[in-house]
Amino acid sequence: MTTAFQYVFDNAESISINRRAVTAQTQSRGGLVRTVSRGGQIWRFDVQLPAGPRWSDLRPYIESIDAADRYTPGTVSLSAAGYQDWLPTYQGNSANYTGFSAAWTQGASSCTLTVSPSTASGYKFRRGDIIQLGSAGRVYSVTQDVAYNASTVYVNRPILDATSAGTAILVADDVTWTVVCVEMPQWTIFARNQVSWSGPFRFAEYML
């Protein structure tokens, strides 16, 4: 497991996130449209690095990235200072978002909070919050608001993790994904000591 890809996430100029299901559509001659979901709701990231940083500074990072190539899984997070205040930030009203535990069943559409930090009003979670089931579990987004007095958390895909109970869940910038780089851009040295990239890095959630 490599940590080389974290540099790409930490220094990105743009990130595109896709977690939609794979679907198939057919349309009859009469215009009737049928849509079937084929699942496959994995997290995908397109990450663009800026052009211009010095080759002499990037050289060790590029070496690690090239060594990982497109077959070595790695762990990444959105914990860089540039993201913490807006992208994965916790939206609820609980006093301490590190104090949640939950129980869940594999294949279910929700998990049940078993321990929650103090939440006197408002919400424990809001739609769009990001959670991870256990320190090595899968990452999910919350699809419905969870009121301060509720315990059911609906998530964006069927739960992939093995059935468990009373396990602490990670929230916001504490979550990590295991990914593999499925498309790696070519780097080019220009103006003697600067680096540019032929396109974005494309990462997909590693499912093995």
N, C-alpha and C. Protein backbone atom coordinates (compact mmCIF):
# COMPACT_ATOMS: atom_id res chain seq x y z
N MET A 1 0.85 -1.19 0.00
CA MET A 1 0.00 0.00 0.00
C MET A 1 0.89 1.24 0.00
N THR A 2 0.67 2.12 -0.95
CA THR A 2 1.52 3.30 -1.08
C THR A 2 0.82 4.55 -0.54
N THR A 3 1.61 5.54 -0.16
CA THR A 3 1.07 6.85 0.22
C THR A 3 1.46 7.91 -0.82
N ALA A 4 2.04 7.47 -1.94
CA ALA A 4 2.55 8.41 -2.95
C ALA A 4 1.45 9.28 -3.54
N PHE A 5 0.23 8.74 -3.65
CA PHE A 5 -0.84 9.48 -4.30
C PHE A 5 -1.36 10.63 -3.45
N GLN A 6 -1.04 10.62 -2.16
CA GLN A 6 -1.52 11.70 -1.30
C GLN A 6 -0.97 13.05 -1.76
N TYR A 7 0.25 13.05 -2.29
CA TYR A 7 0.82 14.31 -2.80
C TYR A 7 -0.08 14.89 -3.89
N VAL A 8 -0.60 14.04 -4.76
CA VAL A 8 -1.45 14.50 -5.86
C VAL A 8 -2.71 15.18 -5.30
N PHE A 9 -3.33 14.56 -4.30
CA PHE A 9 -4.53 15.13 -3.70
C PHE A 9 -4.23 16.42 -2.94
N ASP A 10 -3.14 16.43 -2.22
CA ASP A 10 -2.81 17.60 -1.39
C ASP A 10 -2.48 18.84 -2.22
N ASN A 11 -2.01 18.63 -3.45
CA ASN A 11 -1.54 19.76 -4.25
C ASN A 11 -2.38 20.01 -5.51
N ALA A 12 -3.57 19.43 -5.55
CA ALA A 12 -4.42 19.54 -6.73
C ALA A 12 -4.89 20.97 -6.96
N GLU A 13 -5.04 21.33 -8.24
CA GLU A 13 -5.71 22.60 -8.56
C GLU A 13 -7.19 22.38 -8.80
N SER A 14 -7.60 21.13 -9.08
CA SER A 14 -9.02 20.80 -9.20
C SER A 14 -9.22 19.32 -8.93
N ILE A 15 -10.39 19.00 -8.37
CA ILE A 15 -10.76 17.60 -8.10
C ILE A 15 -12.21 17.40 -8.54
N SER A 16 -12.43 16.36 -9.33
CA SER A 16 -13.78 15.96 -9.72
C SER A 16 -14.08 14.63 -9.05
N ILE A 17 -15.24 14.53 -8.39
CA ILE A 17 -15.62 13.33 -7.65
C ILE A 17 -16.88 12.74 -8.28
N ASN A 18 -16.82 11.45 -8.59
CA ASN A 18 -17.95 10.75 -9.19
C ASN A 18 -18.23 9.49 -8.37
N ARG A 19 -19.43 9.39 -7.80
CA ARG A 19 -19.79 8.21 -7.01
C ARG A 19 -21.14 7.66 -7.48
N ARG A 20 -21.51 7.96 -8.71
CA ARG A 20 -22.80 7.53 -9.24
C ARG A 20 -22.76 6.06 -9.66
N ALA A 21 -23.93 5.45 -9.66
CA ALA A 21 -24.05 4.05 -10.06
C ALA A 21 -23.91 3.92 -11.57
N VAL A 22 -23.49 2.73 -12.00
CA VAL A 22 -23.47 2.41 -13.42
C VAL A 22 -24.90 2.05 -13.83
N THR A 23 -25.39 2.67 -14.89
CA THR A 23 -26.76 2.42 -15.33
C THR A 23 -26.80 2.04 -16.81
N ALA A 24 -27.87 1.36 -17.18
CA ALA A 24 -28.11 1.01 -18.58
C ALA A 24 -29.49 1.52 -18.96
N GLN A 25 -29.59 2.15 -20.13
CA GLN A 25 -30.86 2.70 -20.58
C GLN A 25 -31.21 2.14 -21.96
N THR A 26 -32.49 1.88 -22.16
CA THR A 26 -33.00 1.51 -23.48
C THR A 26 -34.20 2.37 -23.79
N GLN A 27 -34.41 2.64 -25.05
CA GLN A 27 -35.56 3.44 -25.47
C GLN A 27 -36.28 2.72 -26.60
N SER A 28 -37.58 2.51 -26.41
CA SER A 28 -38.38 1.82 -27.42
C SER A 28 -38.70 2.77 -28.58
N ARG A 29 -39.23 2.20 -29.65
CA ARG A 29 -39.61 3.03 -30.79
C ARG A 29 -40.70 4.02 -30.42
N GLY A 30 -41.47 3.69 -29.42
CA GLY A 30 -42.52 4.59 -28.97
C GLY A 30 -42.04 5.65 -28.01
N GLY A 31 -40.74 5.62 -27.70
CA GLY A 31 -40.17 6.64 -26.82
C GLY A 31 -40.12 6.26 -25.36
N LEU A 32 -40.56 5.05 -25.01
CA LEU A 32 -40.54 4.61 -23.61
C LEU A 32 -39.10 4.32 -23.19
N VAL A 33 -38.67 4.94 -22.11
CA VAL A 33 -37.31 4.78 -21.62
C VAL A 33 -37.30 3.88 -20.40
N ARG A 34 -36.43 2.89 -20.41
CA ARG A 34 -36.24 2.02 -19.26
C ARG A 34 -34.80 2.17 -18.78
N THR A 35 -34.65 2.28 -17.47
CA THR A 35 -33.34 2.44 -16.87
C THR A 35 -33.13 1.39 -15.80
N VAL A 36 -31.98 0.75 -15.82
CA VAL A 36 -31.63 -0.27 -14.83
C VAL A 36 -30.29 0.09 -14.21
N SER A 37 -30.22 0.07 -12.88
CA SER A 37 -28.96 0.29 -12.19
C SER A 37 -28.19 -1.01 -12.10
N ARG A 38 -26.92 -0.94 -12.45
CA ARG A 38 -26.05 -2.11 -12.37
C ARG A 38 -25.11 -2.03 -11.17
N GLY A 39 -25.41 -1.13 -10.25
CA GLY A 39 -24.56 -0.99 -9.07
C GLY A 39 -23.26 -0.28 -9.43
N GLY A 40 -22.17 -0.77 -8.88
CA GLY A 40 -20.87 -0.20 -9.21
C GLY A 40 -20.68 1.21 -8.68
N GLN A 41 -21.27 1.51 -7.53
CA GLN A 41 -21.18 2.86 -6.98
C GLN A 41 -19.87 3.07 -6.24
N ILE A 42 -18.78 2.99 -6.97
CA ILE A 42 -17.48 3.23 -6.37
C ILE A 42 -17.14 4.71 -6.46
N TRP A 43 -16.21 5.14 -5.63
CA TRP A 43 -15.73 6.52 -5.69
C TRP A 43 -14.68 6.62 -6.78
N ARG A 44 -14.80 7.65 -7.62
CA ARG A 44 -13.82 7.93 -8.67
C ARG A 44 -13.38 9.39 -8.54
N PHE A 45 -12.10 9.62 -8.71
CA PHE A 45 -11.55 10.97 -8.57
C PHE A 45 -10.72 11.32 -9.80
N ASP A 46 -10.99 12.47 -10.40
CA ASP A 46 -10.13 13.05 -11.42
C ASP A 46 -9.40 14.22 -10.76
N VAL A 47 -8.08 14.13 -10.69
CA VAL A 47 -7.30 15.11 -9.93
C VAL A 47 -6.27 15.75 -10.85
N GLN A 48 -6.36 17.06 -10.99
CA GLN A 48 -5.45 17.80 -11.87
C GLN A 48 -4.40 18.52 -11.04
N LEU A 49 -3.13 18.27 -11.35
CA LEU A 49 -2.05 19.02 -10.73
C LEU A 49 -1.73 20.26 -11.57
N PRO A 50 -1.32 21.35 -10.94
CA PRO A 50 -1.01 22.56 -11.70
C PRO A 50 0.31 22.43 -12.45
N ALA A 51 0.44 23.16 -13.53
CA ALA A 51 1.70 23.26 -14.25
C ALA A 51 2.52 24.40 -13.63
N GLY A 52 3.84 24.20 -13.58
CA GLY A 52 4.69 25.28 -13.10
C GLY A 52 5.60 24.97 -11.94
N PRO A 53 5.23 24.04 -11.02
CA PRO A 53 6.15 23.75 -9.92
C PRO A 53 7.51 23.26 -10.43
N ARG A 54 8.53 23.47 -9.63
CA ARG A 54 9.88 23.15 -10.07
C ARG A 54 10.13 21.65 -10.10
N TRP A 55 10.78 21.20 -11.16
CA TRP A 55 11.18 19.79 -11.29
C TRP A 55 12.05 19.37 -10.11
N SER A 56 12.95 20.25 -9.68
CA SER A 56 13.85 19.92 -8.58
C SER A 56 13.10 19.67 -7.28
N ASP A 57 11.92 20.28 -7.13
CA ASP A 57 11.10 20.05 -5.94
C ASP A 57 10.22 18.80 -6.09
N LEU A 58 9.71 18.58 -7.29
CA LEU A 58 8.75 17.48 -7.52
C LEU A 58 9.44 16.15 -7.79
N ARG A 59 10.71 16.16 -8.09
CA ARG A 59 11.39 14.95 -8.53
C ARG A 59 11.17 13.75 -7.60
N PRO A 60 11.34 13.87 -6.28
CA PRO A 60 11.12 12.70 -5.42
C PRO A 60 9.68 12.22 -5.40
N TYR A 61 8.72 13.16 -5.51
CA TYR A 61 7.30 12.77 -5.52
C TYR A 61 6.96 12.05 -6.82
N ILE A 62 7.47 12.56 -7.94
CA ILE A 62 7.23 11.91 -9.23
C ILE A 62 7.81 10.51 -9.23
N GLU A 63 8.98 10.34 -8.64
CA GLU A 63 9.58 9.01 -8.58
C GLU A 63 8.69 8.03 -7.83
N SER A 64 8.12 8.46 -6.72
CA SER A 64 7.23 7.59 -5.93
C SER A 64 5.94 7.30 -6.67
N ILE A 65 5.40 8.31 -7.36
CA ILE A 65 4.16 8.12 -8.12
C ILE A 65 4.39 7.15 -9.27
N ASP A 66 5.49 7.34 -10.00
CA ASP A 66 5.80 6.45 -11.12
C ASP A 66 6.05 5.03 -10.64
N ALA A 67 6.66 4.89 -9.47
CA ALA A 67 6.92 3.55 -8.93
C ALA A 67 5.61 2.84 -8.58
N ALA A 68 4.64 3.60 -8.06
CA ALA A 68 3.33 3.01 -7.73
C ALA A 68 2.58 2.61 -8.99
N ASP A 69 2.71 3.44 -10.04
CA ASP A 69 2.12 3.17 -11.35
C ASP A 69 0.62 2.93 -11.24
N ARG A 70 0.08 2.05 -12.09
CA ARG A 70 -1.37 1.83 -12.15
C ARG A 70 -1.78 0.49 -11.56
N TYR A 71 -0.92 -0.08 -10.74
CA TYR A 71 -1.25 -1.39 -10.16
C TYR A 71 -1.07 -1.45 -8.65
N THR A 72 -0.54 -0.40 -8.04
CA THR A 72 -0.33 -0.40 -6.60
C THR A 72 -1.42 0.42 -5.91
N PRO A 73 -2.24 -0.17 -5.05
CA PRO A 73 -3.25 0.62 -4.33
C PRO A 73 -2.59 1.54 -3.31
N GLY A 74 -3.27 2.63 -3.02
CA GLY A 74 -2.77 3.58 -2.05
C GLY A 74 -3.90 4.18 -1.24
N THR A 75 -3.55 4.80 -0.13
CA THR A 75 -4.54 5.46 0.71
C THR A 75 -4.46 6.97 0.50
N VAL A 76 -5.63 7.60 0.43
CA VAL A 76 -5.69 9.05 0.24
C VAL A 76 -6.79 9.62 1.13
N SER A 77 -6.67 10.89 1.42
CA SER A 77 -7.69 11.59 2.19
C SER A 77 -7.82 13.01 1.66
N LEU A 78 -8.86 13.69 2.10
CA LEU A 78 -9.06 15.10 1.76
C LEU A 78 -8.77 15.93 3.01
N SER A 79 -7.62 15.69 3.60
CA SER A 79 -7.28 16.30 4.88
C SER A 79 -6.36 17.50 4.74
N ALA A 80 -5.95 17.85 3.52
CA ALA A 80 -5.08 19.01 3.35
C ALA A 80 -5.80 20.28 3.81
N ALA A 81 -5.03 21.25 4.28
CA ALA A 81 -5.61 22.47 4.83
C ALA A 81 -6.54 23.16 3.83
N GLY A 82 -6.24 23.05 2.55
CA GLY A 82 -7.07 23.70 1.55
C GLY A 82 -8.46 23.11 1.41
N TYR A 83 -8.66 21.89 1.91
CA TYR A 83 -9.97 21.23 1.79
C TYR A 83 -10.76 21.27 3.09
N GLN A 84 -10.12 21.27 4.21
CA GLN A 84 -10.77 21.01 5.49
C GLN A 84 -11.93 21.94 5.78
N ASP A 85 -11.83 23.17 5.34
CA ASP A 85 -12.85 24.16 5.70
C ASP A 85 -14.07 24.14 4.80
N TRP A 86 -14.03 23.33 3.71
CA TRP A 86 -15.18 23.41 2.81
C TRP A 86 -15.57 22.09 2.15
N LEU A 87 -14.62 21.25 1.74
CA LEU A 87 -15.02 20.07 0.98
C LEU A 87 -15.55 18.95 1.85
N PRO A 88 -14.78 18.38 2.79
CA PRO A 88 -15.33 17.28 3.58
C PRO A 88 -15.88 17.72 4.93
N THR A 89 -15.97 19.00 5.19
CA THR A 89 -16.28 19.49 6.52
C THR A 89 -17.60 18.92 7.06
N TYR A 90 -17.62 18.64 8.35
CA TYR A 90 -18.81 18.14 9.04
C TYR A 90 -19.85 19.26 9.14
N GLN A 91 -21.10 18.95 8.79
CA GLN A 91 -22.15 19.98 8.74
C GLN A 91 -23.12 19.93 9.92
N GLY A 92 -23.05 18.87 10.74
CA GLY A 92 -24.01 18.70 11.81
C GLY A 92 -23.74 19.59 13.01
N ASN A 93 -24.52 19.35 14.07
CA ASN A 93 -24.46 20.19 15.27
C ASN A 93 -23.93 19.46 16.49
N SER A 94 -23.39 18.26 16.33
CA SER A 94 -22.88 17.53 17.48
C SER A 94 -21.63 18.21 18.03
N ALA A 95 -21.47 18.09 19.34
CA ALA A 95 -20.37 18.77 20.00
C ALA A 95 -19.01 18.26 19.54
N ASN A 96 -18.94 16.98 19.21
CA ASN A 96 -17.65 16.38 18.85
C ASN A 96 -17.91 15.30 17.81
N TYR A 97 -17.59 15.58 16.56
CA TYR A 97 -17.94 14.62 15.51
C TYR A 97 -17.06 13.38 15.49
N THR A 98 -16.07 13.30 16.39
CA THR A 98 -15.26 12.09 16.48
C THR A 98 -15.86 11.08 17.45
N GLY A 99 -17.03 11.37 18.01
CA GLY A 99 -17.59 10.51 19.04
C GLY A 99 -18.71 9.60 18.61
N PHE A 100 -18.83 9.30 17.33
CA PHE A 100 -19.92 8.45 16.85
C PHE A 100 -19.50 6.99 16.75
N SER A 101 -20.42 6.10 17.13
CA SER A 101 -20.27 4.66 16.86
C SER A 101 -21.57 4.18 16.24
N ALA A 102 -21.51 3.05 15.53
CA ALA A 102 -22.70 2.59 14.81
C ALA A 102 -22.71 1.08 14.67
N ALA A 103 -23.86 0.56 14.32
CA ALA A 103 -24.04 -0.84 13.95
C ALA A 103 -24.61 -0.87 12.53
N TRP A 104 -24.23 -1.89 11.76
CA TRP A 104 -24.73 -1.95 10.38
C TRP A 104 -24.79 -3.39 9.90
N THR A 105 -25.56 -3.59 8.85
CA THR A 105 -25.71 -4.90 8.22
C THR A 105 -25.27 -4.79 6.78
N GLN A 106 -24.43 -5.70 6.35
CA GLN A 106 -23.95 -5.67 4.97
C GLN A 106 -25.14 -5.74 4.00
N GLY A 107 -25.13 -4.87 3.01
CA GLY A 107 -26.20 -4.83 2.01
C GLY A 107 -27.33 -3.87 2.34
N ALA A 108 -27.38 -3.36 3.57
CA ALA A 108 -28.44 -2.44 3.97
C ALA A 108 -28.20 -1.05 3.39
N SER A 109 -29.22 -0.22 3.42
CA SER A 109 -29.11 1.13 2.89
C SER A 109 -28.83 2.17 3.97
N SER A 110 -28.69 1.70 5.22
CA SER A 110 -28.45 2.62 6.32
C SER A 110 -27.68 1.91 7.43
N CYS A 111 -27.15 2.71 8.35
CA CYS A 111 -26.56 2.18 9.58
C CYS A 111 -27.26 2.86 10.76
N THR A 112 -27.09 2.30 11.94
CA THR A 112 -27.76 2.80 13.13
C THR A 112 -26.73 3.28 14.14
N LEU A 113 -26.84 4.52 14.55
CA LEU A 113 -25.92 5.08 15.54
C LEU A 113 -26.17 4.44 16.89
N THR A 114 -25.12 3.96 17.52
CA THR A 114 -25.21 3.37 18.86
C THR A 114 -24.66 4.30 19.94
N VAL A 115 -23.74 5.15 19.56
CA VAL A 115 -23.19 6.17 20.46
C VAL A 115 -23.10 7.47 19.68
N SER A 116 -23.56 8.56 20.27
CA SER A 116 -23.49 9.87 19.61
C SER A 116 -23.03 10.90 20.62
N PRO A 117 -22.17 11.82 20.23
CA PRO A 117 -21.82 12.93 21.12
C PRO A 117 -23.03 13.84 21.34
N SER A 118 -22.94 14.68 22.30
CA SER A 118 -24.06 15.54 22.67
C SER A 118 -24.55 16.36 21.48
N THR A 119 -25.86 16.25 21.20
CA THR A 119 -26.50 17.03 20.15
C THR A 119 -27.86 17.47 20.68
N ALA A 120 -27.92 18.69 21.21
CA ALA A 120 -29.13 19.15 21.88
C ALA A 120 -30.20 19.62 20.92
N SER A 121 -29.80 19.98 19.70
CA SER A 121 -30.77 20.45 18.71
C SER A 121 -30.12 20.35 17.33
N GLY A 122 -30.91 20.63 16.32
CA GLY A 122 -30.36 20.60 14.98
C GLY A 122 -30.21 19.20 14.43
N TYR A 123 -29.00 18.85 13.98
CA TYR A 123 -28.78 17.60 13.27
C TYR A 123 -27.49 16.93 13.70
N LYS A 124 -27.54 15.59 13.72
CA LYS A 124 -26.30 14.82 13.91
C LYS A 124 -25.49 14.78 12.63
N PHE A 125 -26.20 14.60 11.50
CA PHE A 125 -25.57 14.65 10.18
C PHE A 125 -26.50 15.38 9.22
N ARG A 126 -25.89 16.00 8.22
CA ARG A 126 -26.65 16.61 7.14
C ARG A 126 -26.32 15.90 5.84
N ARG A 127 -27.24 16.00 4.89
CA ARG A 127 -26.99 15.41 3.57
C ARG A 127 -25.67 15.92 3.01
N GLY A 128 -24.88 14.98 2.51
CA GLY A 128 -23.57 15.35 1.96
C GLY A 128 -22.42 15.13 2.92
N ASP A 129 -22.69 14.89 4.21
CA ASP A 129 -21.61 14.55 5.12
C ASP A 129 -20.96 13.24 4.68
N ILE A 130 -19.68 13.09 4.94
CA ILE A 130 -18.93 11.91 4.55
C ILE A 130 -18.54 11.12 5.79
N ILE A 131 -18.80 9.81 5.77
CA ILE A 131 -18.47 8.95 6.90
C ILE A 131 -17.74 7.70 6.42
N GLN A 132 -16.99 7.11 7.33
CA GLN A 132 -16.30 5.86 7.05
C GLN A 132 -16.62 4.88 8.17
N LEU A 133 -17.01 3.67 7.80
CA LEU A 133 -17.42 2.68 8.80
C LEU A 133 -16.20 1.93 9.31
N GLY A 134 -15.66 2.42 10.40
CA GLY A 134 -14.45 1.84 10.96
C GLY A 134 -13.21 2.43 10.31
N SER A 135 -12.06 2.28 10.96
CA SER A 135 -10.84 2.90 10.48
C SER A 135 -10.36 2.34 9.15
N ALA A 136 -10.80 1.12 8.80
CA ALA A 136 -10.40 0.51 7.53
C ALA A 136 -11.61 0.20 6.65
N GLY A 137 -12.76 0.80 6.98
CA GLY A 137 -13.98 0.49 6.25
C GLY A 137 -14.14 1.32 5.00
N ARG A 138 -15.28 1.11 4.34
CA ARG A 138 -15.61 1.86 3.13
C ARG A 138 -16.15 3.24 3.50
N VAL A 139 -16.10 4.13 2.52
CA VAL A 139 -16.55 5.51 2.72
C VAL A 139 -17.91 5.70 2.04
N TYR A 140 -18.78 6.43 2.71
CA TYR A 140 -20.14 6.67 2.22
C TYR A 140 -20.48 8.15 2.41
N SER A 141 -21.43 8.62 1.62
CA SER A 141 -21.98 9.95 1.87
C SER A 141 -23.39 9.80 2.43
N VAL A 142 -23.76 10.72 3.30
CA VAL A 142 -25.07 10.70 3.94
C VAL A 142 -26.09 11.32 2.98
N THR A 143 -27.21 10.62 2.77
CA THR A 143 -28.18 11.07 1.77
C THR A 143 -29.41 11.75 2.36
N GLN A 144 -29.61 11.63 3.68
CA GLN A 144 -30.74 12.29 4.32
C GLN A 144 -30.28 12.91 5.63
N ASP A 145 -30.84 14.06 5.97
CA ASP A 145 -30.51 14.69 7.25
C ASP A 145 -30.86 13.75 8.40
N VAL A 146 -30.02 13.75 9.43
CA VAL A 146 -30.26 12.95 10.64
C VAL A 146 -30.49 13.92 11.79
N ALA A 147 -31.73 14.03 12.26
CA ALA A 147 -32.07 14.97 13.33
C ALA A 147 -31.34 14.61 14.62
N TYR A 148 -31.26 15.57 15.52
CA TYR A 148 -30.51 15.40 16.78
C TYR A 148 -31.04 14.25 17.62
N ASN A 149 -32.32 13.90 17.46
CA ASN A 149 -32.92 12.83 18.26
C ASN A 149 -33.15 11.55 17.45
N ALA A 150 -32.52 11.44 16.28
CA ALA A 150 -32.66 10.26 15.42
C ALA A 150 -31.37 9.45 15.43
N SER A 151 -31.43 8.21 14.94
CA SER A 151 -30.24 7.35 14.97
C SER A 151 -29.98 6.62 13.65
N THR A 152 -30.89 6.74 12.68
CA THR A 152 -30.71 6.05 11.39
C THR A 152 -30.01 6.97 10.41
N VAL A 153 -28.92 6.46 9.81
CA VAL A 153 -28.13 7.23 8.86
C VAL A 153 -28.21 6.53 7.50
N TYR A 154 -28.89 7.15 6.54
CA TYR A 154 -28.99 6.59 5.20
C TYR A 154 -27.78 7.01 4.37
N VAL A 155 -27.26 6.07 3.60
CA VAL A 155 -26.02 6.31 2.86
C VAL A 155 -26.24 6.11 1.36
N ASN A 156 -25.25 6.52 0.57
CA ASN A 156 -25.42 6.63 -0.88
C ASN A 156 -25.32 5.31 -1.63
N ARG A 157 -24.96 4.22 -0.97
CA ARG A 157 -24.87 2.93 -1.65
C ARG A 157 -25.09 1.83 -0.62
N PRO A 158 -25.45 0.63 -1.07
CA PRO A 158 -25.59 -0.47 -0.11
C PRO A 158 -24.29 -0.68 0.65
N ILE A 159 -24.42 -0.96 1.93
CA ILE A 159 -23.23 -1.09 2.77
C ILE A 159 -22.41 -2.31 2.33
N LEU A 160 -21.14 -2.06 2.05
CA LEU A 160 -20.23 -3.09 1.56
C LEU A 160 -19.49 -3.78 2.69
N ASP A 161 -19.38 -3.13 3.82
CA ASP A 161 -18.61 -3.67 4.93
C ASP A 161 -19.33 -4.85 5.59
N ALA A 162 -18.54 -5.76 6.15
CA ALA A 162 -19.11 -6.88 6.87
C ALA A 162 -19.94 -6.38 8.05
N THR A 163 -21.03 -7.08 8.35
CA THR A 163 -21.91 -6.71 9.46
C THR A 163 -21.11 -6.54 10.75
N SER A 164 -21.37 -5.43 11.45
CA SER A 164 -20.63 -5.13 12.67
C SER A 164 -21.50 -4.31 13.60
N ALA A 165 -21.11 -4.24 14.86
CA ALA A 165 -21.88 -3.50 15.85
C ALA A 165 -20.95 -2.75 16.78
N GLY A 166 -21.37 -1.54 17.15
CA GLY A 166 -20.63 -0.75 18.12
C GLY A 166 -19.28 -0.28 17.64
N THR A 167 -19.10 -0.16 16.32
CA THR A 167 -17.82 0.23 15.76
C THR A 167 -17.78 1.74 15.55
N ALA A 168 -16.69 2.36 15.93
CA ALA A 168 -16.54 3.80 15.76
C ALA A 168 -16.52 4.15 14.28
N ILE A 169 -17.15 5.25 13.92
CA ILE A 169 -17.13 5.69 12.53
C ILE A 169 -16.35 7.00 12.42
N LEU A 170 -15.66 7.16 11.31
CA LEU A 170 -14.88 8.36 11.05
C LEU A 170 -15.72 9.32 10.22
N VAL A 171 -15.47 10.61 10.41
CA VAL A 171 -16.30 11.64 9.79
C VAL A 171 -15.40 12.72 9.18
N ALA A 172 -15.89 13.31 8.11
CA ALA A 172 -15.28 14.50 7.50
C ALA A 172 -13.86 14.21 7.04
N ASP A 173 -12.91 15.07 7.39
CA ASP A 173 -11.55 14.95 6.88
C ASP A 173 -10.76 13.81 7.53
N ASP A 174 -11.38 13.06 8.45
CA ASP A 174 -10.70 11.91 9.05
C ASP A 174 -10.81 10.66 8.17
N VAL A 175 -11.68 10.65 7.17
CA VAL A 175 -11.90 9.44 6.38
C VAL A 175 -10.77 9.26 5.37
N THR A 176 -10.52 8.01 4.99
CA THR A 176 -9.51 7.70 3.98
C THR A 176 -10.10 6.72 2.96
N TRP A 177 -9.69 6.86 1.73
CA TRP A 177 -10.07 5.95 0.66
C TRP A 177 -8.86 5.11 0.25
N THR A 178 -9.11 3.87 -0.13
CA THR A 178 -8.08 3.06 -0.79
C THR A 178 -8.37 3.11 -2.28
N VAL A 179 -7.42 3.60 -3.05
CA VAL A 179 -7.64 3.82 -4.47
C VAL A 179 -6.49 3.21 -5.29
N VAL A 180 -6.74 3.08 -6.59
CA VAL A 180 -5.70 2.72 -7.54
C VAL A 180 -5.79 3.74 -8.67
N CYS A 181 -4.64 4.12 -9.21
CA CYS A 181 -4.61 5.07 -10.31
C CYS A 181 -4.88 4.32 -11.61
N VAL A 182 -6.00 4.61 -12.26
CA VAL A 182 -6.37 3.91 -13.48
C VAL A 182 -5.91 4.64 -14.73
N GLU A 183 -5.56 5.90 -14.60
CA GLU A 183 -5.00 6.66 -15.72
C GLU A 183 -4.02 7.67 -15.18
N MET A 184 -2.76 7.57 -15.62
CA MET A 184 -1.70 8.41 -15.10
C MET A 184 -1.16 9.31 -16.21
N PRO A 185 -1.18 10.62 -16.02
CA PRO A 185 -0.73 11.53 -17.08
C PRO A 185 0.79 11.50 -17.24
N GLN A 186 1.23 11.93 -18.39
CA GLN A 186 2.66 12.08 -18.64
C GLN A 186 3.12 13.43 -18.09
N TRP A 187 4.28 13.44 -17.46
CA TRP A 187 4.83 14.72 -17.00
C TRP A 187 5.88 15.20 -18.00
N THR A 188 6.00 16.52 -18.11
CA THR A 188 6.94 17.14 -19.05
C THR A 188 7.69 18.25 -18.33
N ILE A 189 8.99 18.30 -18.56
CA ILE A 189 9.80 19.39 -18.02
C ILE A 189 9.87 20.50 -19.07
N PHE A 190 9.55 21.71 -18.68
CA PHE A 190 9.62 22.83 -19.60
C PHE A 190 10.30 24.02 -18.92
N ALA A 191 10.75 24.97 -19.72
CA ALA A 191 11.43 26.17 -19.21
C ALA A 191 12.54 25.80 -18.23
N ARG A 192 13.20 24.69 -18.57
CA ARG A 192 14.38 24.20 -17.85
C ARG A 192 14.10 23.56 -16.50
N ASN A 193 13.19 24.08 -15.69
CA ASN A 193 13.04 23.50 -14.35
C ASN A 193 11.60 23.54 -13.87
N GLN A 194 10.63 23.43 -14.79
CA GLN A 194 9.23 23.40 -14.41
C GLN A 194 8.56 22.16 -14.97
N VAL A 195 7.47 21.75 -14.32
CA VAL A 195 6.78 20.51 -14.70
C VAL A 195 5.34 20.82 -15.10
N SER A 196 4.90 20.19 -16.18
CA SER A 196 3.49 20.23 -16.57
C SER A 196 2.99 18.81 -16.74
N TRP A 197 1.68 18.65 -16.84
CA TRP A 197 1.06 17.33 -16.90
C TRP A 197 0.14 17.25 -18.11
N SER A 198 0.08 16.10 -18.75
CA SER A 198 -0.70 15.94 -19.97
C SER A 198 -2.21 15.85 -19.72
N GLY A 199 -2.61 15.71 -18.49
CA GLY A 199 -4.02 15.60 -18.14
C GLY A 199 -4.16 15.28 -16.66
N PRO A 200 -5.37 14.93 -16.22
CA PRO A 200 -5.58 14.63 -14.80
C PRO A 200 -5.15 13.20 -14.45
N PHE A 201 -4.87 13.00 -13.19
CA PHE A 201 -4.78 11.65 -12.64
C PHE A 201 -6.20 11.15 -12.42
N ARG A 202 -6.45 9.90 -12.78
CA ARG A 202 -7.76 9.31 -12.56
C ARG A 202 -7.62 8.14 -11.60
N PHE A 203 -8.33 8.24 -10.47
CA PHE A 203 -8.27 7.22 -9.43
C PHE A 203 -9.64 6.58 -9.28
N ALA A 204 -9.64 5.29 -8.96
CA ALA A 204 -10.87 4.57 -8.67
C ALA A 204 -10.71 3.84 -7.34
N GLU A 205 -11.78 3.76 -6.60
CA GLU A 205 -11.78 3.04 -5.33
C GLU A 205 -11.36 1.58 -5.54
N TYR A 206 -10.41 1.13 -4.74
CA TYR A 206 -9.88 -0.23 -4.85
C TYR A 206 -10.78 -1.16 -4.04
N MET A 207 -11.35 -2.16 -4.70
CA MET A 207 -12.40 -2.94 -4.08
C MET A 207 -11.95 -4.32 -3.58
N LEU A 208 -10.70 -4.71 -3.76
CA LEU A 208 -10.25 -6.02 -3.30
C LEU A 208 -9.85 -5.98 -1.83
